[in-house]
């Protein structure tokens, strides 16, 4: 399952980041590391971006970026 499939209110643990290059580095800088618990807060009115809560901070990604992160639901 990927992070873009989790609905608002759902929680998941990151298993793998399949992004590459600068996109992967940006995601890692934002805190998307293996083992981190992520909660989906909400989708924007026009679908993108998606807002996540990680380690007490709010972070947003586009669905195409969230699709690159493999997760397990909690």
PDB file of N, CA and C in Angstrom:
ATOM      1  N   UNK A   1       0.849  -1.163   0.000  1.00  0.00           N
ATOM      2  CA  UNK A   1       0.000   0.000   0.000  1.00  0.00           C
ATOM      3  C   UNK A   1       0.902   1.237   0.000  1.00  0.00           C
ATOM      4  N   UNK A   2       0.429   2.303  -0.634  1.00  0.00           N
ATOM      5  CA  UNK A   2       1.208   3.534  -0.680  1.00  0.00           C
ATOM      6  C   UNK A   2       0.519   4.636   0.127  1.00  0.00           C
ATOM      7  N   UNK A   3       1.269   5.666   0.451  1.00  0.00           N
ATOM      8  CA  UNK A   3       0.778   6.725   1.327  1.00  0.00           C
ATOM      9  C   UNK A   3      -0.408   7.481   0.742  1.00  0.00           C
ATOM     10  N   UNK A   4      -0.497   7.576  -0.576  1.00  0.00           N
ATOM     11  CA  UNK A   4      -1.619   8.303  -1.183  1.00  0.00           C
ATOM     12  C   UNK A   4      -2.945   7.558  -1.046  1.00  0.00           C
ATOM     13  N   UNK A   5      -2.911   6.273  -0.688  1.00  0.00           N
ATOM     14  CA  UNK A   5      -4.126   5.478  -0.537  1.00  0.00           C
ATOM     15  C   UNK A   5      -4.759   5.593   0.848  1.00  0.00           C
ATOM     16  N   UNK A   6      -4.049   6.161   1.808  1.00  0.00           N
ATOM     17  CA  UNK A   6      -4.567   6.309   3.167  1.00  0.00           C
ATOM     18  C   UNK A   6      -5.537   7.486   3.195  1.00  0.00           C
ATOM     19  N   UNK A   7      -6.689   7.287   3.775  1.00  0.00           N
ATOM     20  CA  UNK A   7      -7.727   8.329   3.843  1.00  0.00           C
ATOM     21  C   UNK A   7      -7.541   9.212   5.078  1.00  0.00           C
ATOM     22  N   UNK A   8      -8.115  10.410   5.078  1.00  0.00           N
ATOM     23  CA  UNK A   8      -8.003  11.297   6.241  1.00  0.00           C
ATOM     24  C   UNK A   8      -8.423  10.596   7.539  1.00  0.00           C
ATOM     25  N   UNK A   9      -7.611  10.787   8.569  1.00  0.00           N
ATOM     26  CA  UNK A   9      -7.827  10.131   9.853  1.00  0.00           C
ATOM     27  C   UNK A   9      -7.055   8.835   9.991  1.00  0.00           C
ATOM     28  N   UNK A  10      -6.558   8.294   8.871  1.00  0.00           N
ATOM     29  CA  UNK A  10      -5.803   7.044   8.894  1.00  0.00           C
ATOM     30  C   UNK A  10      -4.354   7.254   9.286  1.00  0.00           C
ATOM     31  N   UNK A  11      -3.773   6.205   9.858  1.00  0.00           N
ATOM     32  CA  UNK A  11      -2.367   6.248  10.265  1.00  0.00           C
ATOM     33  C   UNK A  11      -1.614   5.112   9.598  1.00  0.00           C
ATOM     34  N   UNK A  12      -0.333   5.366   9.325  1.00  0.00           N
ATOM     35  CA  UNK A  12       0.494   4.352   8.685  1.00  0.00           C
ATOM     36  C   UNK A  12       1.945   4.546   9.103  1.00  0.00           C
ATOM     37  N   UNK A  13       2.731   3.482   8.934  1.00  0.00           N
ATOM     38  CA  UNK A  13       4.160   3.536   9.217  1.00  0.00           C
ATOM     39  C   UNK A  13       4.903   3.388   7.888  1.00  0.00           C
ATOM     40  N   UNK A  14       5.858   4.248   7.640  1.00  0.00           N
ATOM     41  CA  UNK A  14       6.613   4.234   6.385  1.00  0.00           C
ATOM     42  C   UNK A  14       7.517   3.011   6.339  1.00  0.00           C
ATOM     43  N   UNK A  15       7.451   2.297   5.219  1.00  0.00           N
ATOM     44  CA  UNK A  15       8.289   1.119   4.994  1.00  0.00           C
ATOM     45  C   UNK A  15       9.439   1.404   4.024  1.00  0.00           C
ATOM     46  N   UNK A  16       9.119   2.161   2.943  1.00  0.00           N
ATOM     47  CA  UNK A  16      10.142   2.396   1.924  1.00  0.00           C
ATOM     48  C   UNK A  16       9.792   3.646   1.123  1.00  0.00           C
ATOM     49  N   UNK A  17      10.804   4.431   0.810  1.00  0.00           N
ATOM     50  CA  UNK A  17      10.645   5.603  -0.040  1.00  0.00           C
ATOM     51  C   UNK A  17      11.234   5.246  -1.407  1.00  0.00           C
ATOM     52  N   UNK A  18      10.390   5.125  -2.425  1.00  0.00           N
ATOM     53  CA  UNK A  18      10.829   4.717  -3.764  1.00  0.00           C
ATOM     54  C   UNK A  18      11.195   5.887  -4.667  1.00  0.00           C
ATOM     55  N   UNK A  19      11.152   7.103  -4.148  1.00  0.00           N
ATOM     56  CA  UNK A  19      11.509   8.274  -4.951  1.00  0.00           C
ATOM     57  C   UNK A  19      13.005   8.246  -5.241  1.00  0.00           C
ATOM     58  N   UNK A  20      13.428   9.088  -6.178  1.00  0.00           N
ATOM     59  CA  UNK A  20      14.841   9.147  -6.541  1.00  0.00           C
ATOM     60  C   UNK A  20      15.300  10.596  -6.659  1.00  0.00           C
ATOM     61  N   UNK A  21      16.588  10.767  -6.538  1.00  0.00           N
ATOM     62  CA  UNK A  21      17.198  12.064  -6.776  1.00  0.00           C
ATOM     63  C   UNK A  21      16.770  13.155  -5.802  1.00  0.00           C
ATOM     64  N   UNK A  22      16.545  14.346  -6.357  1.00  0.00           N
ATOM     65  CA  UNK A  22      16.206  15.515  -5.550  1.00  0.00           C
ATOM     66  C   UNK A  22      14.871  15.357  -4.834  1.00  0.00           C
ATOM     67  N   UNK A  23      13.923  14.660  -5.459  1.00  0.00           N
ATOM     68  CA  UNK A  23      12.611  14.453  -4.835  1.00  0.00           C
ATOM     69  C   UNK A  23      12.779  13.607  -3.575  1.00  0.00           C
ATOM     70  N   UNK A  24      13.562  12.546  -3.662  1.00  0.00           N
ATOM     71  CA  UNK A  24      13.791  11.694  -2.490  1.00  0.00           C
ATOM     72  C   UNK A  24      14.486  12.480  -1.389  1.00  0.00           C
ATOM     73  N   UNK A  25      15.473  13.268  -1.755  1.00  0.00           N
ATOM     74  CA  UNK A  25      16.193  14.057  -0.756  1.00  0.00           C
ATOM     75  C   UNK A  25      15.273  15.063  -0.070  1.00  0.00           C
ATOM     76  N   UNK A  26      14.402  15.707  -0.842  1.00  0.00           N
ATOM     77  CA  UNK A  26      13.459  16.671  -0.271  1.00  0.00           C
ATOM     78  C   UNK A  26      12.509  15.981   0.698  1.00  0.00           C
ATOM     79  N   UNK A  27      11.998  14.787   0.300  1.00  0.00           N
ATOM     80  CA  UNK A  27      11.101  14.040   1.186  1.00  0.00           C
ATOM     81  C   UNK A  27      11.811  13.641   2.481  1.00  0.00           C
ATOM     82  N   UNK A  28      13.057  13.214   2.365  1.00  0.00           N
ATOM     83  CA  UNK A  28      13.810  12.829   3.554  1.00  0.00           C
ATOM     84  C   UNK A  28      14.065  14.050   4.440  1.00  0.00           C
ATOM     85  N   UNK A  29      14.335  15.185   3.840  1.00  0.00           N
ATOM     86  CA  UNK A  29      14.529  16.422   4.604  1.00  0.00           C
ATOM     87  C   UNK A  29      13.255  16.811   5.353  1.00  0.00           C
ATOM     88  N   UNK A  30      12.098  16.469   4.774  1.00  0.00           N
ATOM     89  CA  UNK A  30      10.809  16.782   5.390  1.00  0.00           C
ATOM     90  C   UNK A  30      10.451  15.786   6.499  1.00  0.00           C
ATOM     91  N   UNK A  31      11.177  14.655   6.582  1.00  0.00           N
ATOM     92  CA  UNK A  31      10.943  13.687   7.645  1.00  0.00           C
ATOM     93  C   UNK A  31      10.357  12.363   7.218  1.00  0.00           C
ATOM     94  N   UNK A  32      10.222  12.119   5.923  1.00  0.00           N
ATOM     95  CA  UNK A  32       9.656  10.858   5.422  1.00  0.00           C
ATOM     96  C   UNK A  32      10.740   9.783   5.388  1.00  0.00           C
ATOM     97  N   UNK A  33      10.990   9.175   6.567  1.00  0.00           N
ATOM     98  CA  UNK A  33      11.998   8.133   6.728  1.00  0.00           C
ATOM     99  C   UNK A  33      11.318   6.826   7.092  1.00  0.00           C
ATOM    100  N   UNK A  34      12.004   5.730   6.870  1.00  0.00           N
ATOM    101  CA  UNK A  34      11.494   4.414   7.245  1.00  0.00           C
ATOM    102  C   UNK A  34      11.234   4.368   8.752  1.00  0.00           C
ATOM    103  N   UNK A  35      10.077   3.821   9.120  1.00  0.00           N
ATOM    104  CA  UNK A  35       9.722   3.650  10.514  1.00  0.00           C
ATOM    105  C   UNK A  35       8.939   4.801  11.124  1.00  0.00           C
ATOM    106  N   UNK A  36       8.827   5.919  10.420  1.00  0.00           N
ATOM    107  CA  UNK A  36       8.103   7.082  10.935  1.00  0.00           C
ATOM    108  C   UNK A  36       6.598   6.844  10.797  1.00  0.00           C
ATOM    109  N   UNK A  37       5.841   7.213  11.835  1.00  0.00           N
ATOM    110  CA  UNK A  37       4.384   7.101  11.801  1.00  0.00           C
ATOM    111  C   UNK A  37       3.802   8.383  11.230  1.00  0.00           C
ATOM    112  N   UNK A  38       2.888   8.218  10.277  1.00  0.00           N
ATOM    113  CA  UNK A  38       2.274   9.343   9.572  1.00  0.00           C
ATOM    114  C   UNK A  38       0.762   9.256   9.730  1.00  0.00           C
ATOM    115  N   UNK A  39       0.126  10.385  10.017  1.00  0.00           N
ATOM    116  CA  UNK A  39      -1.332  10.458  10.058  1.00  0.00           C
ATOM    117  C   UNK A  39      -1.799  11.394   8.952  1.00  0.00           C
ATOM    118  N   UNK A  40      -2.793  10.959   8.189  1.00  0.00           N
ATOM    119  CA  UNK A  40      -3.349  11.801   7.131  1.00  0.00           C
ATOM    120  C   UNK A  40      -4.349  12.747   7.782  1.00  0.00           C
ATOM    121  N   UNK A  41      -4.100  14.052   7.648  1.00  0.00           N
ATOM    122  CA  UNK A  41      -4.965  15.056   8.258  1.00  0.00           C
ATOM    123  C   UNK A  41      -6.116  15.390   7.328  1.00  0.00           C
ATOM    124  N   UNK A  42      -5.802  15.766   6.086  1.00  0.00           N
ATOM    125  CA  UNK A  42      -6.860  16.104   5.125  1.00  0.00           C
ATOM    126  C   UNK A  42      -6.299  16.240   3.719  1.00  0.00           C
ATOM    127  N   UNK A  43      -7.224  16.143   2.754  1.00  0.00           N
ATOM    128  CA  UNK A  43      -6.931  16.428   1.351  1.00  0.00           C
ATOM    129  C   UNK A  43      -7.372  17.855   1.059  1.00  0.00           C
ATOM    130  N   UNK A  44      -6.672  18.530   0.197  1.00  0.00           N
ATOM    131  CA  UNK A  44      -7.086  19.869  -0.209  1.00  0.00           C
ATOM    132  C   UNK A  44      -8.386  19.766  -1.005  1.00  0.00           C
ATOM    133  N   UNK A  45      -9.153  20.857  -1.105  1.00  0.00           N
ATOM    134  CA  UNK A  45     -10.439  20.812  -1.815  1.00  0.00           C
ATOM    135  C   UNK A  45     -10.348  20.286  -3.256  1.00  0.00           C
ATOM    136  N   UNK A  46      -9.257  20.569  -3.940  1.00  0.00           N
ATOM    137  CA  UNK A  46      -9.092  20.074  -5.311  1.00  0.00           C
ATOM    138  C   UNK A  46      -8.161  18.867  -5.362  1.00  0.00           C
ATOM    139  N   UNK A  47      -8.128  18.083  -4.314  1.00  0.00           N
ATOM    140  CA  UNK A  47      -7.395  16.825  -4.154  1.00  0.00           C
ATOM    141  C   UNK A  47      -5.940  17.039  -3.745  1.00  0.00           C
ATOM    142  N   UNK A  48      -5.148  17.831  -4.462  1.00  0.00           N
ATOM    143  CA  UNK A  48      -3.737  18.033  -4.099  1.00  0.00           C
ATOM    144  C   UNK A  48      -3.573  19.353  -3.387  1.00  0.00           C
ATOM    145  N   UNK A  49      -2.720  19.475  -2.431  1.00  0.00           N
ATOM    146  CA  UNK A  49      -1.887  18.435  -1.810  1.00  0.00           C
ATOM    147  C   UNK A  49      -2.627  17.717  -0.692  1.00  0.00           C
ATOM    148  N   UNK A  50      -1.939  16.747  -0.114  1.00  0.00           N
ATOM    149  CA  UNK A  50      -2.448  16.013   1.042  1.00  0.00           C
ATOM    150  C   UNK A  50      -1.639  16.477   2.253  1.00  0.00           C
ATOM    151  N   UNK A  51      -2.320  16.730   3.363  1.00  0.00           N
ATOM    152  CA  UNK A  51      -1.640  17.185   4.580  1.00  0.00           C
ATOM    153  C   UNK A  51      -1.449  16.011   5.523  1.00  0.00           C
ATOM    154  N   UNK A  52      -0.234  15.871   6.033  1.00  0.00           N
ATOM    155  CA  UNK A  52       0.135  14.802   6.954  1.00  0.00           C
ATOM    156  C   UNK A  52       0.609  15.384   8.266  1.00  0.00           C
ATOM    157  N   UNK A  53       0.491  14.596   9.344  1.00  0.00           N
ATOM    158  CA  UNK A  53       1.053  14.958  10.639  1.00  0.00           C
ATOM    159  C   UNK A  53       2.123  13.926  10.959  1.00  0.00           C
ATOM    160  N   UNK A  54       3.354  14.416  11.150  1.00  0.00           N
ATOM    161  CA  UNK A  54       4.482  13.541  11.484  1.00  0.00           C
ATOM    162  C   UNK A  54       5.286  14.195  12.590  1.00  0.00           C
ATOM    163  N   UNK A  55       5.538  13.464  13.643  1.00  0.00           N
ATOM    164  CA  UNK A  55       6.374  13.967  14.741  1.00  0.00           C
ATOM    165  C   UNK A  55       5.960  15.356  15.201  1.00  0.00           C
ATOM    166  N   UNK A  56       4.642  15.606  15.261  1.00  0.00           N
ATOM    167  CA  UNK A  56       4.139  16.867  15.756  1.00  0.00           C
ATOM    168  C   UNK A  56       4.170  18.030  14.775  1.00  0.00           C
ATOM    169  N   UNK A  57       4.488  17.762  13.525  1.00  0.00           N
ATOM    170  CA  UNK A  57       4.506  18.831  12.526  1.00  0.00           C
ATOM    171  C   UNK A  57       3.626  18.471  11.342  1.00  0.00           C
ATOM    172  N   UNK A  58       3.063  19.467  10.696  1.00  0.00           N
ATOM    173  CA  UNK A  58       2.227  19.284   9.517  1.00  0.00           C
ATOM    174  C   UNK A  58       3.089  19.410   8.263  1.00  0.00           C
ATOM    175  N   UNK A  59       2.935  18.447   7.361  1.00  0.00           N
ATOM    176  CA  UNK A  59       3.700  18.415   6.118  1.00  0.00           C
ATOM    177  C   UNK A  59       2.740  18.087   4.984  1.00  0.00           C
ATOM    178  N   UNK A  60       2.931  18.700   3.826  1.00  0.00           N
ATOM    179  CA  UNK A  60       2.061  18.435   2.671  1.00  0.00           C
ATOM    180  C   UNK A  60       2.869  17.887   1.505  1.00  0.00           C
ATOM    181  N   UNK A  61       2.246  16.944   0.783  1.00  0.00           N
ATOM    182  CA  UNK A  61       2.826  16.359  -0.432  1.00  0.00           C
ATOM    183  C   UNK A  61       1.749  16.265  -1.499  1.00  0.00           C
ATOM    184  N   UNK A  62       2.175  16.245  -2.747  1.00  0.00           N
ATOM    185  CA  UNK A  62       1.250  15.955  -3.841  1.00  0.00           C
ATOM    186  C   UNK A  62       0.980  14.454  -3.837  1.00  0.00           C
ATOM    187  N   UNK A  63      -0.149  14.060  -4.409  1.00  0.00           N
ATOM    188  CA  UNK A  63      -0.478  12.625  -4.495  1.00  0.00           C
ATOM    189  C   UNK A  63       0.586  11.861  -5.265  1.00  0.00           C
ATOM    190  N   UNK A  64       1.118  12.441  -6.332  1.00  0.00           N
ATOM    191  CA  UNK A  64       2.132  11.730  -7.117  1.00  0.00           C
ATOM    192  C   UNK A  64       3.390  11.460  -6.297  1.00  0.00           C
ATOM    193  N   UNK A  65       3.717  12.332  -5.353  1.00  0.00           N
ATOM    194  CA  UNK A  65       4.862  12.101  -4.469  1.00  0.00           C
ATOM    195  C   UNK A  65       4.509  11.084  -3.386  1.00  0.00           C
ATOM    196  N   UNK A  66       3.314  11.184  -2.824  1.00  0.00           N
ATOM    197  CA  UNK A  66       2.883  10.255  -1.792  1.00  0.00           C
ATOM    198  C   UNK A  66       2.784   8.830  -2.341  1.00  0.00           C
ATOM    199  N   UNK A  67       2.545   8.699  -3.636  1.00  0.00           N
ATOM    200  CA  UNK A  67       2.461   7.387  -4.278  1.00  0.00           C
ATOM    201  C   UNK A  67       3.803   6.648  -4.254  1.00  0.00           C
ATOM    202  N   UNK A  68       4.904   7.374  -4.048  1.00  0.00           N
ATOM    203  CA  UNK A  68       6.239   6.781  -4.038  1.00  0.00           C
ATOM    204  C   UNK A  68       6.649   6.226  -2.677  1.00  0.00           C
ATOM    205  N   UNK A  69       5.791   6.420  -1.671  1.00  0.00           N
ATOM    206  CA  UNK A  69       6.125   5.992  -0.314  1.00  0.00           C
ATOM    207  C   UNK A  69       5.272   4.787   0.075  1.00  0.00           C
ATOM    208  N   UNK A  70       5.934   3.663   0.287  1.00  0.00           N
ATOM    209  CA  UNK A  70       5.234   2.443   0.688  1.00  0.00           C
ATOM    210  C   UNK A  70       5.034   2.451   2.201  1.00  0.00           C
ATOM    211  N   UNK A  71       3.831   2.059   2.647  1.00  0.00           N
ATOM    212  CA  UNK A  71       3.492   2.095   4.063  1.00  0.00           C
ATOM    213  C   UNK A  71       2.765   0.830   4.490  1.00  0.00           C
ATOM    214  N   UNK A  72       2.689   0.640   5.813  1.00  0.00           N
ATOM    215  CA  UNK A  72       1.812  -0.377   6.392  1.00  0.00           C
ATOM    216  C   UNK A  72       0.835   0.370   7.293  1.00  0.00           C
ATOM    217  N   UNK A  73      -0.437   0.018   7.200  1.00  0.00           N
ATOM    218  CA  UNK A  73      -1.448   0.713   7.998  1.00  0.00           C
ATOM    219  C   UNK A  73      -1.358   0.297   9.459  1.00  0.00           C
ATOM    220  N   UNK A  74      -1.773   1.198  10.314  1.00  0.00           N
ATOM    221  CA  UNK A  74      -1.763   0.931  11.764  1.00  0.00           C
ATOM    222  C   UNK A  74      -3.184   0.840  12.268  1.00  0.00           C
TER     223      UNK A  74
END
